[in-house]
């Protein structure tokens, strides 16, 4: 499954990663790569918890990237 992840750098230089499809699924890291690795673990844990509690798993995403010449 694919999930959209948003990564932003906060005012202290920490990278904060969030998965909007999974409410409250947020992680962080000192680097962008670390934040991505940490949110990957967080998403896996979130999905395992949903399964364990017989909760529905939100559908993954299918998106395209459109490049426009300006």
Protein backbone atom coordinates (compact mmCIF):
# COMPACT_ATOMS: atom_id res chain seq x y z
CA UNK A 1 0.00 0.00 0.00
CA UNK A 2 1.08 3.56 -0.60
CA UNK A 3 0.48 6.41 1.83
CA UNK A 4 1.17 10.11 1.32
CA UNK A 5 3.79 11.45 3.74
CA UNK A 6 4.42 15.13 4.41
CA UNK A 7 7.86 16.11 5.72
CA UNK A 8 8.55 19.63 6.96
CA UNK A 9 11.46 21.13 8.84
CA UNK A 10 10.46 22.91 12.06
CA UNK A 11 11.98 26.07 13.53
CA UNK A 12 14.55 24.01 15.46
CA UNK A 13 15.78 22.21 12.33
CA UNK A 14 14.04 18.90 13.17
CA UNK A 15 12.26 17.16 10.31
CA UNK A 16 8.65 16.30 11.18
CA UNK A 17 6.90 13.62 9.12
CA UNK A 18 3.13 13.08 9.08
CA UNK A 19 0.79 10.66 7.34
CA UNK A 20 -2.49 12.58 6.83
CA UNK A 21 -4.44 9.40 5.99
CA UNK A 22 -3.69 8.02 9.47
CA UNK A 23 -4.77 10.60 12.08
CA UNK A 24 -2.10 11.18 14.71
CA UNK A 25 0.57 9.23 12.83
CA UNK A 26 3.51 11.62 13.21
CA UNK A 27 7.24 11.09 13.66
CA UNK A 28 10.44 13.09 13.37
CA UNK A 29 14.16 12.89 12.78
CA UNK A 30 17.34 14.94 12.78
CA UNK A 31 17.57 14.47 9.01
CA UNK A 32 14.98 14.06 6.27
CA UNK A 33 16.12 10.46 5.76
CA UNK A 34 15.80 9.69 9.47
CA UNK A 35 12.31 11.23 9.58
CA UNK A 36 11.29 9.12 6.58
CA UNK A 37 12.63 5.96 8.22
CA UNK A 38 10.86 6.80 11.47
CA UNK A 39 7.50 7.56 9.84
CA UNK A 40 7.80 4.27 7.94
CA UNK A 41 8.05 2.46 11.28
CA UNK A 42 5.19 4.55 12.69
CA UNK A 43 2.90 3.73 9.75
CA UNK A 44 3.67 0.02 10.07
CA UNK A 45 2.90 0.13 13.80
CA UNK A 46 -0.31 2.09 13.19
CA UNK A 47 -1.51 -0.46 10.62
CA UNK A 48 -0.61 -3.37 12.92
CA UNK A 49 -2.65 -1.75 15.69
CA UNK A 50 -5.63 -1.31 13.36
CA UNK A 51 -5.45 -5.00 12.43
CA UNK A 52 -5.10 -6.08 16.05
CA UNK A 53 -8.22 -4.12 17.02
CA UNK A 54 -10.20 -5.19 13.94
CA UNK A 55 -10.38 -1.59 12.72
CA UNK A 56 -10.65 -0.85 8.99
CA UNK A 57 -7.45 0.04 7.18
CA UNK A 58 -7.80 3.26 5.17
CA UNK A 59 -7.24 2.81 1.45
CA UNK A 60 -3.83 3.63 0.06
CA UNK A 61 -3.36 6.36 -2.51
CA UNK A 62 -2.88 6.37 -6.23
CA UNK A 63 -1.53 9.63 -7.51
CA UNK A 64 0.22 11.01 -10.51
CA UNK A 65 2.79 13.77 -10.73
CA UNK A 66 2.20 16.32 -13.45
CA UNK A 67 5.16 18.34 -14.65
CA UNK A 68 4.44 21.65 -16.37
CA UNK A 69 7.06 23.57 -18.31
CA UNK A 70 6.99 27.23 -17.36
